[in-house]
Amino acid sequence: MERYFFTFSIVSHGLGCARNNSPGFYTRISAHLEWLCEKVNHEGEPLSICFNDLSKFKKHVKTNKFQ
């Protein structure tokens, strides 16, 4: 059985995403899950599916790998 692990976070400050020698500040999303679900679930192209169980929380996004 294949297993996939995902990390979700809210970046409150930082330059880009996970750049070398550039710190970023993150927060635990469980405290903001309701707000996050409200913001990403909007009319149009679906960005995520939110569940009460974080193990089922899925978000599909396009990214630019390590710019």
PDB file of N, CA and C in Angstrom:
ATOM      1  N   MET A   1       0.834  -1.176   0.000  1.00  0.00           N
ATOM      2  CA  MET A   1       0.000   0.000   0.000  1.00  0.00           C
ATOM      3  C   MET A   1       0.883   1.244   0.000  1.00  0.00           C
ATOM      4  N   GLU A   2       0.672   2.113  -0.972  1.00  0.00           N
ATOM      5  CA  GLU A   2       1.435   3.360  -1.026  1.00  0.00           C
ATOM      6  C   GLU A   2       0.904   4.338   0.005  1.00  0.00           C
ATOM      7  N   ARG A   3       1.800   5.102   0.603  1.00  0.00           N
ATOM      8  CA  ARG A   3       1.400   6.115   1.573  1.00  0.00           C
ATOM      9  C   ARG A   3       1.956   7.451   1.121  1.00  0.00           C
ATOM     10  N   TYR A   4       1.155   8.464   1.266  1.00  0.00           N
ATOM     11  CA  TYR A   4       1.567   9.819   0.922  1.00  0.00           C
ATOM     12  C   TYR A   4       1.437  10.690   2.159  1.00  0.00           C
ATOM     13  N   PHE A   5       2.375  11.574   2.351  1.00  0.00           N
ATOM     14  CA  PHE A   5       2.345  12.494   3.475  1.00  0.00           C
ATOM     15  C   PHE A   5       2.352  13.913   2.934  1.00  0.00           C
ATOM     16  N   PHE A   6       1.540  14.755   3.519  1.00  0.00           N
ATOM     17  CA  PHE A   6       1.428  16.137   3.085  1.00  0.00           C
ATOM     18  C   PHE A   6       1.625  17.050   4.278  1.00  0.00           C
ATOM     19  N   THR A   7       2.178  18.201   4.038  1.00  0.00           N
ATOM     20  CA  THR A   7       2.318  19.219   5.064  1.00  0.00           C
ATOM     21  C   THR A   7       1.553  20.448   4.618  1.00  0.00           C
ATOM     22  N   PHE A   8       0.692  20.933   5.479  1.00  0.00           N
ATOM     23  CA  PHE A   8      -0.055  22.151   5.212  1.00  0.00           C
ATOM     24  C   PHE A   8       0.346  23.166   6.257  1.00  0.00           C
ATOM     25  N   SER A   9       0.514  24.390   5.851  1.00  0.00           N
ATOM     26  CA  SER A   9       0.846  25.434   6.809  1.00  0.00           C
ATOM     27  C   SER A   9       0.405  26.777   6.275  1.00  0.00           C
ATOM     28  N   ILE A  10       0.350  27.729   7.162  1.00  0.00           N
ATOM     29  CA  ILE A  10       0.067  29.109   6.805  1.00  0.00           C
ATOM     30  C   ILE A  10       1.360  29.871   7.038  1.00  0.00           C
ATOM     31  N   VAL A  11       1.848  30.529   6.014  1.00  0.00           N
ATOM     32  CA  VAL A  11       3.065  31.327   6.147  1.00  0.00           C
ATOM     33  C   VAL A  11       2.642  32.740   6.495  1.00  0.00           C
ATOM     34  N   SER A  12       3.044  33.210   7.669  1.00  0.00           N
ATOM     35  CA  SER A  12       2.665  34.557   8.073  1.00  0.00           C
ATOM     36  C   SER A  12       3.708  35.584   7.665  1.00  0.00           C
ATOM     37  N   HIS A  13       4.914  35.126   7.364  1.00  0.00           N
ATOM     38  CA  HIS A  13       5.970  36.037   6.920  1.00  0.00           C
ATOM     39  C   HIS A  13       7.062  35.207   6.256  1.00  0.00           C
ATOM     40  N   GLY A  14       7.575  35.704   5.176  1.00  0.00           N
ATOM     41  CA  GLY A  14       8.664  35.012   4.504  1.00  0.00           C
ATOM     42  C   GLY A  14       8.790  35.481   3.071  1.00  0.00           C
ATOM     43  N   LEU A  15       9.936  35.227   2.470  1.00  0.00           N
ATOM     44  CA  LEU A  15      10.170  35.565   1.070  1.00  0.00           C
ATOM     45  C   LEU A  15      10.071  34.281   0.266  1.00  0.00           C
ATOM     46  N   GLY A  16       8.982  34.112  -0.458  1.00  0.00           N
ATOM     47  CA  GLY A  16       8.805  32.885  -1.226  1.00  0.00           C
ATOM     48  C   GLY A  16       8.489  31.719  -0.314  1.00  0.00           C
ATOM     49  N   CYS A  17       8.762  30.530  -0.817  1.00  0.00           N
ATOM     50  CA  CYS A  17       8.434  29.312  -0.074  1.00  0.00           C
ATOM     51  C   CYS A  17       9.678  28.436   0.053  1.00  0.00           C
ATOM     52  N   ALA A  18      10.110  28.207   1.256  1.00  0.00           N
ATOM     53  CA  ALA A  18      11.224  27.300   1.555  1.00  0.00           C
ATOM     54  C   ALA A  18      12.487  27.627   0.761  1.00  0.00           C
ATOM     55  N   ARG A  19      12.821  28.894   0.709  1.00  0.00           N
ATOM     56  CA  ARG A  19      14.044  29.295   0.005  1.00  0.00           C
ATOM     57  C   ARG A  19      15.251  29.174   0.929  1.00  0.00           C
ATOM     58  N   ASN A  20      16.376  28.772   0.376  1.00  0.00           N
ATOM     59  CA  ASN A  20      17.606  28.669   1.160  1.00  0.00           C
ATOM     60  C   ASN A  20      17.976  30.023   1.746  1.00  0.00           C
ATOM     61  N   ASN A  21      18.473  30.012   2.973  1.00  0.00           N
ATOM     62  CA  ASN A  21      18.954  31.211   3.666  1.00  0.00           C
ATOM     63  C   ASN A  21      17.904  32.305   3.774  1.00  0.00           C
ATOM     64  N   SER A  22      16.628  31.936   3.765  1.00  0.00           N
ATOM     65  CA  SER A  22      15.541  32.899   3.904  1.00  0.00           C
ATOM     66  C   SER A  22      14.503  32.315   4.860  1.00  0.00           C
ATOM     67  N   PRO A  23      14.461  32.828   6.097  1.00  0.00           N
ATOM     68  CA  PRO A  23      13.549  32.236   7.078  1.00  0.00           C
ATOM     69  C   PRO A  23      12.086  32.501   6.747  1.00  0.00           C
ATOM     70  N   GLY A  24      11.234  31.600   7.182  1.00  0.00           N
ATOM     71  CA  GLY A  24       9.790  31.764   7.068  1.00  0.00           C
ATOM     72  C   GLY A  24       9.164  31.457   8.419  1.00  0.00           C
ATOM     73  N   PHE A  25       8.030  32.064   8.700  1.00  0.00           N
ATOM     74  CA  PHE A  25       7.337  31.859   9.967  1.00  0.00           C
ATOM     75  C   PHE A  25       6.024  31.151   9.671  1.00  0.00           C
ATOM     76  N   TYR A  26       5.765  30.059  10.347  1.00  0.00           N
ATOM     77  CA  TYR A  26       4.612  29.208  10.073  1.00  0.00           C
ATOM     78  C   TYR A  26       3.743  29.094  11.317  1.00  0.00           C
ATOM     79  N   THR A  27       2.520  28.619  11.126  1.00  0.00           N
ATOM     80  CA  THR A  27       1.614  28.408  12.249  1.00  0.00           C
ATOM     81  C   THR A  27       0.934  27.052  12.125  1.00  0.00           C
ATOM     82  N   ARG A  28       0.465  26.550  13.233  1.00  0.00           N
ATOM     83  CA  ARG A  28      -0.276  25.287  13.241  1.00  0.00           C
ATOM     84  C   ARG A  28      -1.649  25.546  12.627  1.00  0.00           C
ATOM     85  N   ILE A  29      -2.015  24.798  11.580  1.00  0.00           N
ATOM     86  CA  ILE A  29      -3.273  25.090  10.885  1.00  0.00           C
ATOM     87  C   ILE A  29      -4.505  24.630  11.647  1.00  0.00           C
ATOM     88  N   SER A  30      -4.374  23.728  12.600  1.00  0.00           N
ATOM     89  CA  SER A  30      -5.563  23.239  13.309  1.00  0.00           C
ATOM     90  C   SER A  30      -6.306  24.379  14.002  1.00  0.00           C
ATOM     91  N   ALA A  31      -5.592  25.401  14.432  1.00  0.00           N
ATOM     92  CA  ALA A  31      -6.230  26.547  15.078  1.00  0.00           C
ATOM     93  C   ALA A  31      -6.981  27.420  14.082  1.00  0.00           C
ATOM     94  N   HIS A  32      -6.699  27.273  12.803  1.00  0.00           N
ATOM     95  CA  HIS A  32      -7.286  28.129  11.772  1.00  0.00           C
ATOM     96  C   HIS A  32      -7.998  27.336  10.686  1.00  0.00           C
ATOM     97  N   LEU A  33      -8.298  26.069  10.942  1.00  0.00           N
ATOM     98  CA  LEU A  33      -8.850  25.201   9.905  1.00  0.00           C
ATOM     99  C   LEU A  33     -10.184  25.707   9.363  1.00  0.00           C
ATOM    100  N   GLU A  34     -11.077  26.158  10.229  1.00  0.00           N
ATOM    101  CA  GLU A  34     -12.380  26.655   9.762  1.00  0.00           C
ATOM    102  C   GLU A  34     -12.194  27.851   8.832  1.00  0.00           C
ATOM    103  N   TRP A  35     -11.351  28.805   9.224  1.00  0.00           N
ATOM    104  CA  TRP A  35     -11.079  29.985   8.388  1.00  0.00           C
ATOM    105  C   TRP A  35     -10.445  29.569   7.067  1.00  0.00           C
ATOM    106  N   LEU A  36      -9.487  28.663   7.117  1.00  0.00           N
ATOM    107  CA  LEU A  36      -8.799  28.203   5.916  1.00  0.00           C
ATOM    108  C   LEU A  36      -9.781  27.557   4.942  1.00  0.00           C
ATOM    109  N   CYS A  37     -10.662  26.708   5.457  1.00  0.00           N
ATOM    110  CA  CYS A  37     -11.655  26.052   4.600  1.00  0.00           C
ATOM    111  C   CYS A  37     -12.591  27.068   3.959  1.00  0.00           C
ATOM    112  N   GLU A  38     -12.991  28.094   4.704  1.00  0.00           N
ATOM    113  CA  GLU A  38     -13.850  29.140   4.148  1.00  0.00           C
ATOM    114  C   GLU A  38     -13.147  29.884   3.024  1.00  0.00           C
ATOM    115  N   LYS A  39     -11.863  30.146   3.170  1.00  0.00           N
ATOM    116  CA  LYS A  39     -11.121  30.934   2.184  1.00  0.00           C
ATOM    117  C   LYS A  39     -10.819  30.164   0.910  1.00  0.00           C
ATOM    118  N   VAL A  40     -10.519  28.883   1.011  1.00  0.00           N
ATOM    119  CA  VAL A  40     -10.124  28.140  -0.184  1.00  0.00           C
ATOM    120  C   VAL A  40     -11.287  27.460  -0.890  1.00  0.00           C
ATOM    121  N   ASN A  41     -12.428  27.313  -0.240  1.00  0.00           N
ATOM    122  CA  ASN A  41     -13.608  26.727  -0.881  1.00  0.00           C
ATOM    123  C   ASN A  41     -14.490  27.852  -1.394  1.00  0.00           C
ATOM    124  N   HIS A  42     -14.351  28.160  -2.655  1.00  0.00           N
ATOM    125  CA  HIS A  42     -15.129  29.242  -3.249  1.00  0.00           C
ATOM    126  C   HIS A  42     -15.702  28.774  -4.572  1.00  0.00           C
ATOM    127  N   GLU A  43     -16.582  29.585  -5.142  1.00  0.00           N
ATOM    128  CA  GLU A  43     -17.183  29.262  -6.439  1.00  0.00           C
ATOM    129  C   GLU A  43     -16.082  29.189  -7.493  1.00  0.00           C
ATOM    130  N   GLY A  44     -16.264  28.365  -8.491  1.00  0.00           N
ATOM    131  CA  GLY A  44     -15.267  28.235  -9.551  1.00  0.00           C
ATOM    132  C   GLY A  44     -14.481  26.947  -9.407  1.00  0.00           C
ATOM    133  N   GLU A  45     -13.234  26.978  -9.837  1.00  0.00           N
ATOM    134  CA  GLU A  45     -12.386  25.785  -9.782  1.00  0.00           C
ATOM    135  C   GLU A  45     -12.170  25.355  -8.337  1.00  0.00           C
ATOM    136  N   PRO A  46     -12.487  24.100  -7.998  1.00  0.00           N
ATOM    137  CA  PRO A  46     -12.300  23.654  -6.619  1.00  0.00           C
ATOM    138  C   PRO A  46     -10.821  23.620  -6.244  1.00  0.00           C
ATOM    139  N   LEU A  47     -10.501  24.202  -5.107  1.00  0.00           N
ATOM    140  CA  LEU A  47      -9.125  24.219  -4.633  1.00  0.00           C
ATOM    141  C   LEU A  47      -8.891  23.182  -3.547  1.00  0.00           C
ATOM    142  N   SER A  48      -9.941  22.819  -2.826  1.00  0.00           N
ATOM    143  CA  SER A  48      -9.744  21.865  -1.740  1.00  0.00           C
ATOM    144  C   SER A  48     -11.061  21.223  -1.343  1.00  0.00           C
ATOM    145  N   ILE A  49     -10.931  20.193  -0.550  1.00  0.00           N
ATOM    146  CA  ILE A  49     -12.066  19.547   0.083  1.00  0.00           C
ATOM    147  C   ILE A  49     -11.737  19.523   1.566  1.00  0.00           C
ATOM    148  N   CYS A  50     -12.594  20.085   2.398  1.00  0.00           N
ATOM    149  CA  CYS A  50     -12.318  20.158   3.832  1.00  0.00           C
ATOM    150  C   CYS A  50     -13.155  19.151   4.600  1.00  0.00           C
ATOM    151  N   PHE A  51     -12.521  18.518   5.557  1.00  0.00           N
ATOM    152  CA  PHE A  51     -13.166  17.554   6.431  1.00  0.00           C
ATOM    153  C   PHE A  51     -12.835  17.926   7.867  1.00  0.00           C
ATOM    154  N   ASN A  52     -13.649  17.486   8.802  1.00  0.00           N
ATOM    155  CA  ASN A  52     -13.340  17.698  10.216  1.00  0.00           C
ATOM    156  C   ASN A  52     -12.112  16.901  10.631  1.00  0.00           C
ATOM    157  N   ASP A  53     -11.876  15.790   9.961  1.00  0.00           N
ATOM    158  CA  ASP A  53     -10.735  14.929  10.255  1.00  0.00           C
ATOM    159  C   ASP A  53      -9.552  15.390   9.400  1.00  0.00           C
ATOM    160  N   LEU A  54      -8.518  15.940  10.013  1.00  0.00           N
ATOM    161  CA  LEU A  54      -7.374  16.466   9.260  1.00  0.00           C
ATOM    162  C   LEU A  54      -6.703  15.415   8.394  1.00  0.00           C
ATOM    163  N   SER A  55      -6.838  14.143   8.745  1.00  0.00           N
ATOM    164  CA  SER A  55      -6.196  13.109   7.936  1.00  0.00           C
ATOM    165  C   SER A  55      -6.843  12.997   6.559  1.00  0.00           C
ATOM    166  N   LYS A  56      -8.051  13.548   6.393  1.00  0.00           N
ATOM    167  CA  LYS A  56      -8.740  13.502   5.107  1.00  0.00           C
ATOM    168  C   LYS A  56      -8.715  14.849   4.389  1.00  0.00           C
ATOM    169  N   PHE A  57      -8.065  15.847   4.969  1.00  0.00           N
ATOM    170  CA  PHE A  57      -7.995  17.180   4.374  1.00  0.00           C
ATOM    171  C   PHE A  57      -7.070  17.136   3.169  1.00  0.00           C
ATOM    172  N   LYS A  58      -7.596  17.512   2.004  1.00  0.00           N
ATOM    173  CA  LYS A  58      -6.800  17.443   0.782  1.00  0.00           C
ATOM    174  C   LYS A  58      -6.866  18.771   0.056  1.00  0.00           C
ATOM    175  N   LYS A  59      -5.755  19.176  -0.487  1.00  0.00           N
ATOM    176  CA  LYS A  59      -5.697  20.393  -1.286  1.00  0.00           C
ATOM    177  C   LYS A  59      -4.805  20.108  -2.479  1.00  0.00           C
ATOM    178  N   HIS A  60      -5.297  20.386  -3.659  1.00  0.00           N
ATOM    179  CA  HIS A  60      -4.527  20.169  -4.877  1.00  0.00           C
ATOM    180  C   HIS A  60      -4.167  21.536  -5.439  1.00  0.00           C
ATOM    181  N   VAL A  61      -2.900  21.846  -5.506  1.00  0.00           N
ATOM    182  CA  VAL A  61      -2.459  23.136  -6.029  1.00  0.00           C
ATOM    183  C   VAL A  61      -1.310  22.923  -6.998  1.00  0.00           C
ATOM    184  N   LYS A  62      -1.211  23.842  -7.951  1.00  0.00           N
ATOM    185  CA  LYS A  62      -0.068  23.832  -8.859  1.00  0.00           C
ATOM    186  C   LYS A  62       1.018  24.685  -8.222  1.00  0.00           C
ATOM    187  N   THR A  63       2.245  24.215  -8.264  1.00  0.00           N
ATOM    188  CA  THR A  63       3.351  24.982  -7.696  1.00  0.00           C
ATOM    189  C   THR A  63       4.506  25.036  -8.682  1.00  0.00           C
ATOM    190  N   ASN A  64       5.375  26.000  -8.472  1.00  0.00           N
ATOM    191  CA  ASN A  64       6.636  26.077  -9.208  1.00  0.00           C
ATOM    192  C   ASN A  64       7.690  25.526  -8.272  1.00  0.00           C
ATOM    193  N   LYS A  65       8.258  24.385  -8.612  1.00  0.00           N
ATOM    194  CA  LYS A  65       9.220  23.736  -7.724  1.00  0.00           C
ATOM    195  C   LYS A  65      10.466  24.585  -7.528  1.00  0.00           C
ATOM    196  N   PHE A  66      10.786  24.850  -6.286  1.00  0.00           N
ATOM    197  CA  PHE A  66      12.047  25.456  -5.863  1.00  0.00           C
ATOM    198  C   PHE A  66      12.558  26.525  -6.824  1.00  0.00           C
ATOM    199  N   GLN A  67      11.853  27.616  -6.878  1.00  0.00           N
ATOM    200  CA  GLN A  67      12.263  28.724  -7.755  1.00  0.00           C
ATOM    201  C   GLN A  67      13.556  29.334  -7.290  1.00  0.00           C
TER     202      GLN A  67
END
